[in-house]
Amino acid sequence: QVQLVESGGGLVQAGGSLRLSCAASGRTLSTSAMGWYRQPPGKEREFVAAINWNGDSTSHADSVKGRFTISRDNANNMLYLQMNSLKPEDTAVYFCYLQPPRTTFKYWGRGTQVTVSS
């Protein structure tokens, strides 16, 4: 059983920063890829960033490259998304996921709202 809980969302002005956190419980995240998706209002869920099991490989969507940084702390079962230079188009519900090794299945958190005002 895996449980993921996001936190750190809120209201921020354009150009500001937020750090999202995802706490995992029920199963260690140390062998699983993890990452973030987001869902803007009225749109489909879209990929944001991913990180492999030990944190030595990351991927970021073109829309957030250079602004967002994904990281993880396996000792504390935590996943992070540092978001800098935020834009109004970053407004969305942000979801973290955990993907067990050798699967395409993803466990999902319930999401945290990020709102960026102009």
N, C-alpha and C. Protein backbone atom coordinates (compact mmCIF):
# COMPACT_ATOMS: atom_id res chain seq x y z
N GLN A 1 0.83 -1.17 0.00
CA GLN A 1 0.00 0.00 0.00
C GLN A 1 0.88 1.24 0.00
N VAL A 2 0.56 2.17 -0.89
CA VAL A 2 1.30 3.41 -1.02
C VAL A 2 0.34 4.57 -0.81
N GLN A 3 0.77 5.52 0.00
CA GLN A 3 0.02 6.75 0.18
C GLN A 3 0.94 7.93 -0.08
N LEU A 4 0.47 8.87 -0.88
CA LEU A 4 1.24 10.06 -1.24
C LEU A 4 0.42 11.29 -0.86
N VAL A 5 1.07 12.23 -0.19
CA VAL A 5 0.39 13.44 0.26
C VAL A 5 1.22 14.65 -0.15
N GLU A 6 0.64 15.49 -1.01
CA GLU A 6 1.30 16.70 -1.45
C GLU A 6 1.05 17.85 -0.48
N SER A 7 1.99 18.77 -0.42
CA SER A 7 1.82 19.98 0.36
C SER A 7 2.68 21.08 -0.24
N GLY A 8 2.46 22.30 0.22
CA GLY A 8 3.27 23.42 -0.20
C GLY A 8 2.64 24.33 -1.23
N GLY A 9 1.47 23.97 -1.72
CA GLY A 9 0.79 24.83 -2.68
C GLY A 9 0.27 26.09 -2.02
N GLY A 10 -0.17 27.01 -2.85
CA GLY A 10 -0.71 28.26 -2.35
C GLY A 10 -0.83 29.29 -3.44
N LEU A 11 -1.05 30.52 -3.02
CA LEU A 11 -1.19 31.66 -3.92
C LEU A 11 0.10 32.45 -3.92
N VAL A 12 0.63 32.72 -5.11
CA VAL A 12 1.88 33.44 -5.23
C VAL A 12 1.80 34.37 -6.44
N GLN A 13 2.50 35.48 -6.37
CA GLN A 13 2.56 36.40 -7.49
C GLN A 13 3.50 35.90 -8.58
N ALA A 14 3.22 36.29 -9.81
CA ALA A 14 4.12 35.95 -10.91
C ALA A 14 5.54 36.38 -10.58
N GLY A 15 6.49 35.50 -10.90
CA GLY A 15 7.88 35.74 -10.59
C GLY A 15 8.32 35.18 -9.26
N GLY A 16 7.37 34.76 -8.45
CA GLY A 16 7.68 34.21 -7.15
C GLY A 16 8.05 32.74 -7.20
N SER A 17 8.23 32.17 -6.01
CA SER A 17 8.67 30.78 -5.88
C SER A 17 7.82 30.03 -4.88
N LEU A 18 7.72 28.74 -5.09
CA LEU A 18 7.11 27.81 -4.15
C LEU A 18 7.89 26.51 -4.19
N ARG A 19 7.88 25.79 -3.09
CA ARG A 19 8.42 24.44 -3.07
C ARG A 19 7.32 23.48 -2.67
N LEU A 20 7.00 22.57 -3.56
CA LEU A 20 6.03 21.52 -3.27
C LEU A 20 6.73 20.32 -2.68
N SER A 21 6.05 19.65 -1.76
CA SER A 21 6.56 18.44 -1.15
C SER A 21 5.55 17.32 -1.34
N CYS A 22 6.06 16.11 -1.40
CA CYS A 22 5.23 14.92 -1.47
C CYS A 22 5.79 13.91 -0.50
N ALA A 23 5.01 13.58 0.52
CA ALA A 23 5.42 12.62 1.53
C ALA A 23 4.83 11.26 1.20
N ALA A 24 5.68 10.25 1.18
CA ALA A 24 5.26 8.89 0.87
C ALA A 24 5.22 8.04 2.12
N SER A 25 4.22 7.17 2.20
CA SER A 25 4.12 6.24 3.30
C SER A 25 3.55 4.92 2.80
N GLY A 26 3.73 3.88 3.60
CA GLY A 26 3.22 2.56 3.27
C GLY A 26 4.19 1.68 2.51
N ARG A 27 5.13 2.29 1.82
CA ARG A 27 6.14 1.57 1.07
C ARG A 27 7.29 2.51 0.82
N THR A 28 8.49 2.01 0.94
CA THR A 28 9.64 2.86 0.67
C THR A 28 9.66 3.32 -0.78
N LEU A 29 10.08 4.55 -0.98
CA LEU A 29 10.20 5.08 -2.33
C LEU A 29 11.59 4.88 -2.92
N SER A 30 12.46 4.23 -2.17
CA SER A 30 13.88 4.19 -2.53
C SER A 30 14.18 3.37 -3.78
N THR A 31 13.24 2.56 -4.25
CA THR A 31 13.46 1.77 -5.45
C THR A 31 12.54 2.17 -6.59
N SER A 32 11.79 3.24 -6.42
CA SER A 32 10.77 3.62 -7.39
C SER A 32 11.03 4.99 -8.00
N ALA A 33 10.73 5.10 -9.28
CA ALA A 33 10.71 6.42 -9.90
C ALA A 33 9.54 7.23 -9.34
N MET A 34 9.71 8.53 -9.29
CA MET A 34 8.66 9.41 -8.82
C MET A 34 8.62 10.65 -9.70
N GLY A 35 7.56 11.43 -9.54
CA GLY A 35 7.48 12.63 -10.33
C GLY A 35 6.24 13.44 -10.05
N TRP A 36 6.03 14.42 -10.93
CA TRP A 36 4.94 15.36 -10.78
C TRP A 36 4.19 15.54 -12.10
N TYR A 37 2.87 15.60 -12.01
CA TYR A 37 2.00 16.06 -13.07
C TYR A 37 1.21 17.25 -12.55
N ARG A 38 0.60 17.98 -13.46
CA ARG A 38 -0.29 19.07 -13.06
C ARG A 38 -1.51 19.10 -13.97
N GLN A 39 -2.58 19.67 -13.45
CA GLN A 39 -3.82 19.80 -14.20
C GLN A 39 -4.33 21.22 -14.08
N PRO A 40 -4.11 22.03 -15.12
CA PRO A 40 -4.67 23.39 -15.12
C PRO A 40 -6.18 23.34 -15.19
N PRO A 41 -6.85 24.39 -14.78
CA PRO A 41 -8.32 24.39 -14.83
C PRO A 41 -8.82 24.20 -16.25
N GLY A 42 -9.73 23.26 -16.43
CA GLY A 42 -10.32 23.00 -17.73
C GLY A 42 -9.44 22.26 -18.70
N LYS A 43 -8.29 21.77 -18.27
CA LYS A 43 -7.37 21.08 -19.16
C LYS A 43 -7.05 19.68 -18.65
N GLU A 44 -6.41 18.90 -19.51
CA GLU A 44 -6.00 17.55 -19.14
C GLU A 44 -4.74 17.60 -18.27
N ARG A 45 -4.55 16.54 -17.52
CA ARG A 45 -3.34 16.38 -16.73
C ARG A 45 -2.12 16.33 -17.64
N GLU A 46 -1.04 17.01 -17.25
CA GLU A 46 0.16 17.05 -18.07
C GLU A 46 1.40 16.78 -17.23
N PHE A 47 2.38 16.18 -17.88
CA PHE A 47 3.64 15.85 -17.23
C PHE A 47 4.42 17.10 -16.87
N VAL A 48 5.03 17.09 -15.69
CA VAL A 48 5.87 18.19 -15.25
C VAL A 48 7.33 17.77 -15.10
N ALA A 49 7.58 16.73 -14.32
CA ALA A 49 8.95 16.32 -14.04
C ALA A 49 8.98 14.91 -13.48
N ALA A 50 10.12 14.24 -13.64
CA ALA A 50 10.29 12.89 -13.11
C ALA A 50 11.72 12.73 -12.61
N ILE A 51 11.90 11.77 -11.71
CA ILE A 51 13.21 11.48 -11.15
C ILE A 51 13.32 9.99 -10.91
N ASN A 52 14.49 9.43 -11.18
CA ASN A 52 14.66 7.99 -11.02
C ASN A 52 14.86 7.63 -9.56
N TRP A 53 15.06 6.34 -9.32
CA TRP A 53 14.98 5.82 -7.95
C TRP A 53 16.02 6.42 -7.01
N ASN A 54 17.22 6.71 -7.51
CA ASN A 54 18.27 7.23 -6.62
C ASN A 54 18.55 8.71 -6.83
N GLY A 55 17.79 9.36 -7.70
CA GLY A 55 17.90 10.79 -7.87
C GLY A 55 19.00 11.26 -8.79
N ASP A 56 19.67 10.35 -9.49
CA ASP A 56 20.77 10.76 -10.36
C ASP A 56 20.34 11.03 -11.80
N SER A 57 19.05 10.92 -12.09
CA SER A 57 18.54 11.21 -13.42
C SER A 57 17.19 11.89 -13.29
N THR A 58 17.03 13.01 -13.97
CA THR A 58 15.77 13.76 -13.92
C THR A 58 15.32 14.15 -15.31
N SER A 59 14.05 14.45 -15.42
CA SER A 59 13.46 14.92 -16.65
C SER A 59 12.44 16.00 -16.31
N HIS A 60 12.43 17.06 -17.10
CA HIS A 60 11.50 18.16 -16.89
C HIS A 60 10.82 18.52 -18.21
N ALA A 61 9.53 18.82 -18.13
CA ALA A 61 8.80 19.26 -19.30
C ALA A 61 9.40 20.56 -19.84
N ASP A 62 9.32 20.73 -21.17
CA ASP A 62 9.88 21.93 -21.78
C ASP A 62 9.30 23.20 -21.17
N SER A 63 8.05 23.16 -20.78
CA SER A 63 7.38 24.34 -20.26
C SER A 63 7.94 24.81 -18.92
N VAL A 64 8.67 23.93 -18.22
CA VAL A 64 9.17 24.28 -16.90
C VAL A 64 10.69 24.21 -16.80
N LYS A 65 11.37 23.79 -17.86
CA LYS A 65 12.83 23.69 -17.82
C LYS A 65 13.45 25.04 -17.50
N GLY A 66 14.43 24.99 -16.61
CA GLY A 66 15.11 26.20 -16.19
C GLY A 66 14.42 26.93 -15.07
N ARG A 67 13.18 26.53 -14.75
CA ARG A 67 12.43 27.18 -13.68
C ARG A 67 12.10 26.23 -12.53
N PHE A 68 11.78 24.99 -12.87
CA PHE A 68 11.41 23.99 -11.87
C PHE A 68 12.53 22.98 -11.72
N THR A 69 12.70 22.46 -10.51
CA THR A 69 13.69 21.43 -10.24
C THR A 69 13.09 20.35 -9.36
N ILE A 70 13.12 19.12 -9.84
CA ILE A 70 12.65 17.99 -9.06
C ILE A 70 13.81 17.40 -8.27
N SER A 71 13.53 16.95 -7.06
CA SER A 71 14.54 16.29 -6.24
C SER A 71 13.84 15.33 -5.28
N ARG A 72 14.63 14.49 -4.64
CA ARG A 72 14.06 13.54 -3.69
C ARG A 72 15.00 13.32 -2.53
N ASP A 73 14.44 12.90 -1.41
CA ASP A 73 15.18 12.59 -0.20
C ASP A 73 14.68 11.23 0.26
N ASN A 74 15.36 10.18 -0.18
CA ASN A 74 14.89 8.84 0.12
C ASN A 74 14.94 8.51 1.61
N ALA A 75 15.90 9.08 2.33
CA ALA A 75 16.01 8.81 3.76
C ALA A 75 14.76 9.26 4.51
N ASN A 76 14.09 10.28 3.99
CA ASN A 76 12.88 10.80 4.63
C ASN A 76 11.62 10.55 3.83
N ASN A 77 11.71 9.73 2.79
CA ASN A 77 10.55 9.39 1.95
C ASN A 77 9.85 10.63 1.42
N MET A 78 10.65 11.55 0.87
CA MET A 78 10.11 12.81 0.40
C MET A 78 10.49 13.08 -1.06
N LEU A 79 9.59 13.69 -1.77
CA LEU A 79 9.80 14.19 -3.12
C LEU A 79 9.51 15.68 -3.12
N TYR A 80 10.29 16.44 -3.89
CA TYR A 80 10.13 17.88 -3.91
C TYR A 80 10.04 18.41 -5.33
N LEU A 81 9.41 19.56 -5.47
CA LEU A 81 9.42 20.31 -6.71
C LEU A 81 9.65 21.77 -6.36
N GLN A 82 10.86 22.25 -6.63
CA GLN A 82 11.17 23.66 -6.43
C GLN A 82 10.73 24.43 -7.66
N MET A 83 9.85 25.39 -7.48
CA MET A 83 9.28 26.15 -8.58
C MET A 83 9.69 27.62 -8.44
N ASN A 84 10.46 28.10 -9.39
CA ASN A 84 10.92 29.48 -9.41
C ASN A 84 10.36 30.19 -10.64
N SER A 85 10.41 31.51 -10.62
CA SER A 85 9.95 32.32 -11.75
C SER A 85 8.57 31.89 -12.21
N LEU A 86 7.67 31.75 -11.28
CA LEU A 86 6.34 31.24 -11.58
C LEU A 86 5.57 32.18 -12.50
N LYS A 87 4.78 31.58 -13.38
CA LYS A 87 3.97 32.29 -14.34
C LYS A 87 2.50 31.96 -14.11
N PRO A 88 1.58 32.84 -14.52
CA PRO A 88 0.16 32.52 -14.37
C PRO A 88 -0.23 31.20 -15.01
N GLU A 89 0.41 30.82 -16.11
CA GLU A 89 0.09 29.56 -16.77
C GLU A 89 0.54 28.34 -15.97
N ASP A 90 1.29 28.54 -14.90
CA ASP A 90 1.63 27.44 -14.00
C ASP A 90 0.50 27.11 -13.04
N THR A 91 -0.54 27.92 -13.02
CA THR A 91 -1.68 27.67 -12.15
C THR A 91 -2.30 26.32 -12.47
N ALA A 92 -2.39 25.46 -11.47
CA ALA A 92 -2.89 24.11 -11.67
C ALA A 92 -2.94 23.40 -10.32
N VAL A 93 -3.59 22.25 -10.33
CA VAL A 93 -3.45 21.31 -9.23
C VAL A 93 -2.26 20.41 -9.56
N TYR A 94 -1.32 20.32 -8.65
CA TYR A 94 -0.11 19.54 -8.85
C TYR A 94 -0.22 18.22 -8.10
N PHE A 95 0.05 17.13 -8.82
CA PHE A 95 -0.04 15.78 -8.28
C PHE A 95 1.32 15.12 -8.31
N CYS A 96 1.69 14.46 -7.24
CA CYS A 96 2.89 13.62 -7.28
C CYS A 96 2.50 12.18 -7.56
N TYR A 97 3.44 11.42 -8.08
CA TYR A 97 3.21 10.01 -8.33
C TYR A 97 4.42 9.18 -7.95
N LEU A 98 4.18 7.90 -7.77
CA LEU A 98 5.23 6.92 -7.53
C LEU A 98 5.00 5.76 -8.48
N GLN A 99 6.04 5.35 -9.19
CA GLN A 99 5.95 4.26 -10.16
C GLN A 99 6.86 3.13 -9.73
N PRO A 100 6.29 2.01 -9.29
CA PRO A 100 7.13 0.88 -8.88
C PRO A 100 8.01 0.41 -10.03
N PRO A 101 9.17 -0.15 -9.72
CA PRO A 101 10.08 -0.60 -10.78
C PRO A 101 9.44 -1.66 -11.67
N ARG A 102 9.81 -1.60 -12.94
CA ARG A 102 9.37 -2.56 -13.95
C ARG A 102 7.85 -2.57 -14.15
N THR A 103 7.22 -1.46 -13.91
CA THR A 103 5.79 -1.29 -14.17
C THR A 103 5.54 0.02 -14.88
N THR A 104 4.35 0.16 -15.43
CA THR A 104 3.89 1.44 -15.95
C THR A 104 2.81 2.04 -15.05
N PHE A 105 2.50 1.37 -13.96
CA PHE A 105 1.47 1.83 -13.03
C PHE A 105 1.98 2.97 -12.18
N LYS A 106 1.11 3.91 -11.88
CA LYS A 106 1.45 5.03 -11.02
C LYS A 106 0.46 5.15 -9.87
N TYR A 107 1.01 5.27 -8.66
CA TYR A 107 0.22 5.70 -7.52
C TYR A 107 0.18 7.22 -7.50
N TRP A 108 -0.95 7.78 -7.14
CA TRP A 108 -1.14 9.23 -7.17
C TRP A 108 -1.51 9.80 -5.82
N GLY A 109 -1.01 11.00 -5.55
CA GLY A 109 -1.51 11.78 -4.44
C GLY A 109 -2.79 12.49 -4.82
N ARG A 110 -3.36 13.20 -3.87
CA ARG A 110 -4.63 13.89 -4.10
C ARG A 110 -4.45 15.29 -4.69
N GLY A 111 -3.25 15.82 -4.67
CA GLY A 111 -2.96 17.08 -5.31
C GLY A 111 -2.91 18.25 -4.36
N THR A 112 -2.22 19.29 -4.79
CA THR A 112 -2.16 20.55 -4.06
C THR A 112 -2.29 21.69 -5.06
N GLN A 113 -3.09 22.68 -4.70
CA GLN A 113 -3.40 23.78 -5.61
C GLN A 113 -2.28 24.81 -5.61
N VAL A 114 -1.85 25.19 -6.80
CA VAL A 114 -0.92 26.29 -7.00
C VAL A 114 -1.61 27.34 -7.86
N THR A 115 -1.70 28.55 -7.35
CA THR A 115 -2.32 29.65 -8.08
C THR A 115 -1.31 30.78 -8.20
N VAL A 116 -1.03 31.20 -9.43
CA VAL A 116 -0.07 32.26 -9.70
C VAL A 116 -0.83 33.45 -10.27
N SER A 117 -0.78 34.55 -9.57
CA SER A 117 -1.48 35.76 -10.00
C SER A 117 -0.54 36.66 -10.78
N SER A 118 -1.12 37.46 -11.67
CA SER A 118 -0.34 38.41 -12.45
C SER A 118 -0.19 39.74 -11.74
